[in-house]
Amino acid sequence: MNTRPLYFDYAATTPVDERVIQVMIECLGFYGNFGNPASSSHAYGQQARQTVEQARRQVADLVGARPDQIVWTSGATESNNLALKGVAQARGFSGGHIITSQIEHKAILDTARQLQDSGIAVTYLVPDAEGLITPQAVSEAMRDDTFLVSLMLVNNELGTVNDVEAIGEVVRSREALFHVDAAQGAGKVAIDLSRWPVDLMSFSAHKLYGPKGVGALYVGPQAQQRVQAQIHGGGHEGGLRSGTLATHQIAGMGAAFAVAAAAFDEEKKTIVALRERLLEQLLSLPGVRLNGSASQRIPHTLSLTFSEGEFNSAALSQSIAFSATSACNSASNTPSHVLLALGHDAQLAGRTIRLSLGRFTTVDDVDKAAELIRTACASAPAFWATGL
């Protein structure tokens, strides 16, 4: 009998798809595809290189890029660091101005603060009431010395989707580079980098049913000569990221992105139906508020704040795996910086849960979760009147 909690934390990480696991296994062991992709003088290395390049094409195909524009990294955090620090270093850390927002992932915020320490000015945009960063806000923050704007496609706590196409037009008109953290967006939002005015984009495998420890950075034509490597030693990945390539992880990421491309429409339809079913049950409860835009969002991620009462998220966590905030904030036991930026105080942030649905969520899971949450907040008084 399965006694594990219901899993509603897909935004934190996803289980590796069985189809992906099989591809990875084929790259392990003496009789597997275990060669070093850089060993071009023999068949083992050549076979591994073919696998790496196939995966590069699979990632590129999902996001409308060319394979040669995809640089392998250890994950979205490294990709974000390479994008921000790499662009700043290429300018010699000679002052200038960067724009980001208050609700970015800590991989962006901590990197931006490090760049501030090196003398670069940083503007942290405040989200609007819907949890969005608008093109107008970006336009108003642009300066003559702005050289980089970094904003996420999908907010990891709220599930809101920024209009990066419109923002990119603003940034490009001022001849700055535009970096987008798409860790939460790949496979959930239709991305077309052949058309979007985006210069750098970060991806992660483990948010899309691939393995942890591997990611990628898209480097577009406007950025190719304006990024410097942060890891040196061998000149791999066109000189942008040295290190022996982990064939099994890269093959897994490629397979995960290929599965996501094939399942995109059907999977989105399924998640939308599950989200509507869950929200119908939860928003009928008194004192429940949906955080962020009700329309400009992915269906996978919901941030819900509960009014004061008997709601006990700690007790609920015994039966449902969910997040009270992003994984990075949870690790430090601090209130969500995203919710604080939206105007929540620490108390309300502590009464907020993030429920995220995914490929293996079922109707039965949704109904059981709704019943458990309903029980947890049965005595909570009405506080907000809300709905979609």
Protein backbone atom coordinates (compact mmCIF):
# COMPACT_ATOMS: atom_id res chain seq x y z
CA MET A 1 0.00 0.00 0.00
CA ASN A 2 1.38 3.41 -1.00
CA THR A 3 1.53 5.66 2.08
CA ARG A 4 3.60 8.43 0.51
CA PRO A 5 2.11 11.94 0.51
CA LEU A 6 0.33 13.17 -2.59
CA TYR A 7 2.85 14.97 -4.79
CA PHE A 8 1.99 18.60 -5.59
CA ASP A 9 5.48 20.09 -5.80
CA TYR A 10 6.34 19.70 -9.47
CA ALA A 11 7.64 23.28 -9.57
CA ALA A 12 10.40 22.25 -7.14
CA THR A 13 11.39 19.18 -9.13
CA THR A 14 9.86 16.49 -11.30
CA PRO A 15 10.40 12.73 -11.25
CA VAL A 16 12.50 11.54 -14.14
CA ASP A 17 10.26 10.10 -16.85
CA GLU A 18 10.76 6.35 -17.39
CA ARG A 19 11.48 6.99 -21.08
CA VAL A 20 14.25 9.37 -20.05
CA ILE A 21 15.68 6.89 -17.54
CA GLN A 22 16.01 4.28 -20.29
CA VAL A 23 17.94 6.70 -22.51
CA MET A 24 20.27 7.53 -19.62
CA ILE A 25 20.90 3.88 -18.73
CA GLU A 26 22.09 3.28 -22.28
CA CYS A 27 24.95 5.72 -21.59
CA LEU A 28 26.25 3.84 -18.55
CA GLY A 29 28.39 0.74 -18.04
CA PHE A 30 31.12 -0.83 -20.18
CA TYR A 31 28.65 -2.01 -22.81
CA GLY A 32 26.87 1.32 -22.82
CA ASN A 33 27.63 4.61 -24.54
CA PHE A 34 30.13 5.66 -21.85
CA GLY A 35 32.84 7.35 -23.94
CA ASN A 36 34.16 10.87 -23.47
CA PRO A 37 32.45 13.08 -26.08
CA ALA A 38 35.73 15.00 -26.51
CA SER A 39 37.64 11.82 -27.49
CA SER A 40 37.25 12.22 -31.23
CA SER A 41 39.99 9.73 -32.19
CA HIS A 42 37.98 6.55 -31.53
CA ALA A 43 34.49 5.10 -31.84
CA TYR A 44 33.61 5.36 -28.12
CA GLY A 45 34.09 9.11 -28.06
CA GLN A 46 32.52 9.58 -31.48
CA GLN A 47 29.38 7.70 -30.40
CA ALA A 48 29.13 9.77 -27.22
CA ARG A 49 29.56 12.97 -29.24
CA GLN A 50 26.71 11.90 -31.55
CA THR A 51 24.49 11.39 -28.51
CA VAL A 52 25.41 14.82 -27.11
CA GLU A 53 24.67 16.51 -30.42
CA GLN A 54 21.37 14.69 -30.78
CA ALA A 55 20.37 15.95 -27.34
CA ARG A 56 21.46 19.46 -28.31
CA ARG A 57 19.10 19.28 -31.30
CA GLN A 58 16.27 17.99 -29.11
CA VAL A 59 16.62 20.90 -26.68
CA ALA A 60 16.93 23.39 -29.52
CA ASP A 61 13.86 21.99 -31.30
CA LEU A 62 11.60 22.54 -28.28
CA VAL A 63 12.51 26.23 -28.03
CA GLY A 64 12.96 27.21 -31.67
CA ALA A 65 16.73 27.63 -31.53
CA ARG A 66 19.62 26.29 -33.60
CA PRO A 67 21.61 23.45 -31.99
CA ASP A 68 24.83 25.47 -32.10
CA GLN A 69 23.16 28.10 -29.90
CA ILE A 70 22.73 25.67 -26.99
CA VAL A 71 25.52 25.53 -24.36
CA TRP A 72 25.44 22.73 -21.78
CA THR A 73 25.67 23.67 -18.09
CA SER A 74 25.05 22.00 -14.74
CA GLY A 75 21.60 23.57 -14.45
CA ALA A 76 19.65 26.81 -14.65
CA THR A 77 21.56 28.32 -11.73
CA GLU A 78 24.83 28.00 -13.60
CA SER A 79 23.18 29.21 -16.79
CA ASN A 80 21.94 32.30 -14.98
CA ASN A 81 25.39 32.95 -13.53
CA LEU A 82 27.03 32.51 -16.93
CA ALA A 83 24.56 34.90 -18.55
CA LEU A 84 24.83 37.71 -16.00
CA LYS A 85 28.47 37.42 -14.96
CA GLY A 86 29.58 36.49 -18.45
CA VAL A 87 28.05 39.60 -20.00
CA ALA A 88 29.32 41.84 -17.20
CA GLN A 89 32.84 40.41 -17.40
CA ALA A 90 32.93 40.83 -21.18
CA ARG A 91 32.50 44.54 -20.51
CA GLY A 92 35.31 44.45 -17.98
CA PHE A 93 32.95 45.05 -15.02
CA SER A 94 33.21 48.71 -16.05
CA GLY A 95 30.13 50.10 -14.34
CA GLY A 96 26.93 50.22 -16.31
CA HIS A 97 23.41 49.22 -15.35
CA ILE A 98 21.38 46.00 -15.15
CA ILE A 99 17.61 45.62 -14.76
CA THR A 100 15.96 42.66 -13.06
CA SER A 101 13.00 42.32 -10.67
CA GLN A 102 12.25 41.72 -7.01
CA ILE A 103 10.53 38.41 -7.76
CA GLU A 104 13.29 36.60 -9.64
CA HIS A 105 14.78 33.30 -8.53
CA LYS A 106 17.58 33.61 -5.98
CA ALA A 107 20.03 32.47 -8.67
CA ILE A 108 19.39 35.82 -10.35
CA LEU A 109 19.00 37.98 -7.25
CA ASP A 110 22.15 36.73 -5.53
CA THR A 111 24.15 37.05 -8.75
CA ALA A 112 22.85 40.59 -9.31
CA ARG A 113 23.88 41.57 -5.78
CA GLN A 114 27.35 40.18 -6.40
CA LEU A 115 27.58 42.33 -9.52
CA GLN A 116 26.47 45.33 -7.47
CA ASP A 117 29.45 44.71 -5.21
CA SER A 118 31.68 44.97 -8.29
CA GLY A 119 30.32 48.44 -9.09
CA ILE A 120 27.44 47.69 -11.46
CA ALA A 121 24.15 49.49 -10.78
CA VAL A 122 21.10 47.22 -10.53
CA THR A 123 17.42 48.17 -10.66
CA TYR A 124 15.02 45.68 -9.06
CA LEU A 125 11.59 46.24 -10.62
CA VAL A 126 8.50 45.91 -8.43
CA PRO A 127 5.83 43.58 -9.86
CA ASP A 128 2.36 44.91 -10.50
CA ALA A 129 -0.64 43.71 -8.49
CA GLU A 130 -0.95 40.70 -10.80
CA GLY A 131 2.61 39.56 -10.11
CA LEU A 132 3.82 40.62 -13.55
CA ILE A 133 6.68 42.75 -14.83
CA THR A 134 5.29 44.96 -17.58
CA PRO A 135 7.06 46.25 -20.70
CA GLN A 136 6.26 49.79 -19.54
CA ALA A 137 8.06 49.21 -16.23
CA VAL A 138 11.11 47.96 -18.11
CA SER A 139 11.00 50.90 -20.52
CA GLU A 140 10.84 53.42 -17.68
CA ALA A 141 13.80 51.78 -15.92
CA MET A 142 16.07 51.74 -18.98
CA ARG A 143 19.09 54.05 -18.86
CA ASP A 144 21.68 55.06 -21.41
CA ASP A 145 24.17 52.71 -19.71
CA THR A 146 21.78 49.74 -19.36
CA PHE A 147 23.53 46.77 -20.94
CA LEU A 148 21.46 43.82 -19.68
CA VAL A 149 17.90 43.05 -18.61
CA SER A 150 17.21 39.72 -16.88
CA LEU A 151 13.64 38.59 -16.19
CA MET A 152 12.00 35.20 -15.81
CA LEU A 153 9.47 33.82 -18.28
CA VAL A 154 7.37 32.02 -15.63
CA ASN A 155 7.51 32.92 -11.96
CA ASN A 156 8.47 29.86 -9.96
CA GLU A 157 6.13 30.62 -7.05
CA LEU A 158 3.12 32.24 -8.72
CA GLY A 159 3.07 30.59 -12.13
CA THR A 160 2.54 33.98 -13.79
CA VAL A 161 3.91 34.49 -17.31
CA ASN A 162 5.69 37.68 -18.32
CA ASP A 163 5.23 39.03 -21.85
CA VAL A 164 8.87 38.52 -22.77
CA GLU A 165 8.24 39.18 -26.44
CA ALA A 166 7.03 42.72 -25.74
CA ILE A 167 9.72 43.27 -23.11
CA GLY A 168 12.35 42.03 -25.53
CA GLU A 169 11.30 44.61 -28.12
CA VAL A 170 11.81 47.35 -25.53
CA VAL A 171 15.23 46.03 -24.58
CA ARG A 172 16.39 45.53 -28.15
CA SER A 173 15.33 49.05 -29.14
CA ARG A 174 17.85 50.31 -26.56
CA GLU A 175 20.59 47.94 -27.79
CA ALA A 176 20.88 46.09 -24.49
CA LEU A 177 20.92 42.30 -24.12
CA PHE A 178 17.87 40.45 -22.81
CA HIS A 179 18.28 37.33 -20.66
CA VAL A 180 15.28 35.18 -19.72
CA ASP A 181 15.24 32.51 -17.01
CA ALA A 182 12.95 29.87 -18.56
CA ALA A 183 13.54 27.08 -16.06
CA GLN A 184 9.82 27.01 -15.20
CA GLY A 185 8.62 27.81 -18.72
CA ALA A 186 10.18 25.22 -21.03
CA GLY A 187 7.63 22.59 -22.01
CA LYS A 188 4.80 24.65 -20.50
CA VAL A 189 4.94 27.77 -22.66
CA ALA A 190 5.43 27.67 -26.43
CA ILE A 191 8.89 29.25 -26.88
CA ASP A 192 10.17 30.37 -30.28
CA LEU A 193 13.67 31.80 -30.06
CA SER A 194 13.89 32.05 -33.84
CA ARG A 195 11.38 34.87 -33.54
CA TRP A 196 11.51 36.19 -29.98
CA PRO A 197 13.80 39.18 -29.26
CA VAL A 198 15.68 37.24 -26.57
CA ASP A 199 19.48 36.99 -26.48
CA LEU A 200 20.09 34.55 -23.62
CA MET A 201 17.76 31.95 -22.08
CA SER A 202 18.34 29.50 -19.21
CA PHE A 203 16.93 25.96 -19.02
CA SER A 204 16.93 23.14 -16.49
CA ALA A 205 16.35 19.42 -17.08
CA HIS A 206 14.92 18.51 -13.68
CA LYS A 207 11.94 20.85 -14.04
CA LEU A 208 10.88 18.90 -17.14
CA TYR A 209 11.12 15.22 -16.11
CA GLY A 210 14.85 15.05 -16.78
CA PRO A 211 17.76 14.47 -14.39
CA LYS A 212 19.13 16.94 -11.88
CA GLY A 213 22.57 18.38 -12.47
CA VAL A 214 22.22 19.40 -16.12
CA GLY A 215 20.88 22.47 -17.88
CA ALA A 216 21.58 24.71 -20.84
CA LEU A 217 22.00 28.31 -21.87
CA TYR A 218 20.76 29.59 -25.20
CA VAL A 219 23.20 32.14 -26.62
CA GLY A 220 21.70 34.09 -29.51
CA PRO A 221 23.54 35.96 -32.27
CA GLN A 222 23.45 39.32 -30.48
CA ALA A 223 25.13 37.79 -27.42
CA GLN A 224 27.72 35.46 -28.94
CA GLN A 225 30.58 37.95 -28.75
CA ARG A 226 29.35 39.55 -25.53
CA VAL A 227 29.61 36.66 -23.04
CA GLN A 228 32.77 35.39 -21.34
CA ALA A 229 33.21 31.93 -19.85
CA GLN A 230 33.04 31.54 -16.07
CA ILE A 231 34.47 27.99 -15.95
CA HIS A 232 37.80 27.42 -17.67
CA GLY A 233 39.84 24.36 -18.55
CA GLY A 234 39.70 22.76 -21.97
CA GLY A 235 37.58 25.19 -23.94
CA HIS A 236 34.54 22.92 -24.26
CA GLU A 237 31.18 24.22 -25.53
CA GLY A 238 32.67 26.74 -27.91
CA GLY A 239 34.88 28.08 -25.14
CA LEU A 240 31.91 29.15 -23.00
CA ARG A 241 31.82 26.29 -20.50
CA SER A 242 34.73 23.94 -19.92
CA GLY A 243 34.40 20.50 -18.40
CA THR A 244 33.92 16.91 -19.55
CA LEU A 245 30.36 16.55 -20.78
CA ALA A 246 28.14 14.20 -18.75
CA THR A 247 26.77 12.15 -21.64
CA HIS A 248 24.09 10.34 -19.61
CA GLN A 249 22.70 13.55 -18.11
CA ILE A 250 22.78 15.43 -21.40
CA ALA A 251 21.09 12.52 -23.19
CA GLY A 252 18.47 12.56 -20.45
CA MET A 253 17.83 16.27 -20.88
CA GLY A 254 17.51 15.86 -24.63
CA ALA A 255 15.07 12.98 -24.24
CA ALA A 256 13.04 14.93 -21.68
CA PHE A 257 12.75 17.91 -24.01
CA ALA A 258 11.80 15.64 -26.93
CA VAL A 259 9.05 13.98 -24.87
CA ALA A 260 7.80 17.41 -23.80
CA ALA A 261 7.66 18.58 -27.41
CA ALA A 262 5.66 15.53 -28.50
CA ALA A 263 3.26 15.75 -25.54
CA PHE A 264 2.96 19.56 -25.36
CA ASP A 265 -0.63 20.11 -26.52
CA GLU A 266 -2.19 17.06 -24.89
CA GLU A 267 -0.33 17.55 -21.61
CA LYS A 268 -1.34 21.19 -21.37
CA LYS A 269 -4.97 20.28 -21.99
CA THR A 270 -4.83 17.69 -19.21
CA ILE A 271 -3.18 20.05 -16.72
CA VAL A 272 -5.71 22.79 -17.46
CA ALA A 273 -8.58 20.41 -16.68
CA LEU A 274 -6.93 19.29 -13.43
CA ARG A 275 -6.20 22.90 -12.42
CA GLU A 276 -9.82 23.92 -13.02
CA ARG A 277 -11.07 20.98 -11.00
CA LEU A 278 -8.76 21.83 -8.09
CA LEU A 279 -9.53 25.54 -8.13
CA GLU A 280 -13.27 24.96 -8.30
CA GLN A 281 -13.06 23.08 -5.03
CA LEU A 282 -10.56 25.33 -3.25
CA LEU A 283 -11.83 28.77 -4.25
CA SER A 284 -15.28 27.83 -2.96
CA LEU A 285 -13.78 27.84 0.52
CA PRO A 286 -14.09 31.06 2.53
CA GLY A 287 -10.96 33.12 2.85
CA VAL A 288 -8.89 31.68 -0.02
CA ARG A 289 -6.99 33.95 -2.39
CA LEU A 290 -5.24 33.07 -5.64
CA ASN A 291 -1.99 35.02 -5.89
CA GLY A 292 -0.99 36.46 -9.24
CA SER A 293 -2.79 36.93 -12.52
CA ALA A 294 -5.73 34.59 -13.06
CA SER A 295 -5.25 34.62 -16.82
CA GLN A 296 -1.59 35.33 -17.65
CA ARG A 297 -0.23 32.14 -16.10
CA ILE A 298 0.67 28.53 -16.69
CA PRO A 299 -1.93 26.04 -15.40
CA HIS A 300 0.66 24.00 -13.53
CA THR A 301 1.41 26.29 -10.56
CA LEU A 302 -0.99 27.81 -8.02
CA SER A 303 -0.15 30.07 -5.09
CA LEU A 304 -2.98 30.21 -2.56
CA THR A 305 -3.19 32.30 0.60
CA PHE A 306 -5.54 31.22 3.41
CA SER A 307 -7.12 33.52 5.96
CA GLU A 308 -6.49 33.34 9.69
CA GLY A 309 -8.06 30.40 11.41
CA GLU A 310 -7.25 26.78 12.05
CA PHE A 311 -5.36 26.27 8.78
CA ASN A 312 -2.18 24.36 9.60
CA SER A 313 0.16 23.93 6.66
CA ALA A 314 2.67 21.95 8.75
CA ALA A 315 0.08 19.29 9.55
CA LEU A 316 -1.09 19.27 5.94
CA SER A 317 2.45 18.56 4.74
CA GLN A 318 2.22 15.10 6.27
CA SER A 319 -0.29 14.09 3.61
CA ILE A 320 0.51 16.44 0.69
CA ALA A 321 3.93 17.32 -0.66
CA PHE A 322 3.77 21.03 -1.48
CA SER A 323 5.83 24.15 -0.92
CA ALA A 324 5.14 27.06 1.37
CA THR A 325 7.55 29.07 -0.82
CA SER A 326 10.23 28.32 -3.40
CA ALA A 327 12.76 25.64 -2.51
CA CYS A 328 15.51 28.25 -2.10
CA ASN A 329 13.49 30.20 0.50
CA SER A 330 12.30 27.01 2.19
CA ALA A 331 15.92 25.96 2.75
CA SER A 332 16.66 29.23 4.58
CA ASN A 333 13.33 29.22 6.48
CA THR A 334 12.55 32.81 5.42
CA PRO A 335 9.28 34.29 4.11
CA SER A 336 8.84 34.26 0.36
CA HIS A 337 10.48 37.33 -1.20
CA VAL A 338 7.95 36.98 -4.04
CA LEU A 339 4.96 37.25 -1.72
CA LEU A 340 6.55 40.11 0.22
CA ALA A 341 7.05 41.96 -3.09
CA LEU A 342 3.34 41.48 -3.80
CA GLY A 343 2.47 43.19 -0.51
CA HIS A 344 1.99 40.20 1.78
CA ASP A 345 3.37 40.56 5.27
CA ALA A 346 5.30 37.71 6.88
CA GLN A 347 2.16 36.33 8.51
CA LEU A 348 0.22 36.09 5.26
CA ALA A 349 3.26 34.69 3.48
CA GLY A 350 3.30 31.99 6.15
CA ARG A 351 -0.32 31.16 5.32
CA THR A 352 0.41 30.64 1.66
CA ILE A 353 1.01 27.35 -0.10
CA ARG A 354 2.21 26.59 -3.62
CA LEU A 355 0.52 23.65 -5.29
CA SER A 356 2.07 22.55 -8.57
CA LEU A 357 0.66 19.88 -10.83
CA GLY A 358 2.44 17.75 -13.38
CA ARG A 359 2.53 14.82 -15.78
CA PHE A 360 1.67 12.20 -13.20
CA THR A 361 -1.07 14.10 -11.33
CA THR A 362 -4.44 12.34 -11.48
CA VAL A 363 -8.04 13.37 -10.94
CA ASP A 364 -8.03 11.24 -7.79
CA ASP A 365 -4.95 13.12 -6.53
CA VAL A 366 -6.69 16.45 -7.09
CA ASP A 367 -9.87 15.40 -5.28
CA LYS A 368 -7.96 13.91 -2.34
CA ALA A 369 -5.80 17.04 -2.04
CA ALA A 370 -8.84 19.30 -2.13
CA GLU A 371 -10.51 17.28 0.62
CA LEU A 372 -7.40 17.36 2.81
CA ILE A 373 -7.03 21.12 2.36
CA ARG A 374 -10.73 21.64 3.00
CA THR A 375 -10.35 19.76 6.27
CA ALA A 376 -7.26 21.77 7.23
CA CYS A 377 -9.06 25.09 6.85
CA ALA A 378 -12.58 24.04 7.81
CA SER A 379 -12.77 26.56 10.67
CA ALA A 380 -11.06 29.45 8.86
CA PRO A 381 -13.32 32.53 8.75
CA ALA A 382 -14.07 34.43 5.59
CA PHE A 383 -11.29 36.92 4.90
CA TRP A 384 -11.21 37.45 1.12
CA ALA A 385 -13.95 37.10 -1.44
CA THR A 386 -12.13 35.80 -4.42
CA GLY A 387 -12.40 33.71 -7.55
CA LEU A 388 -11.14 33.37 -11.08
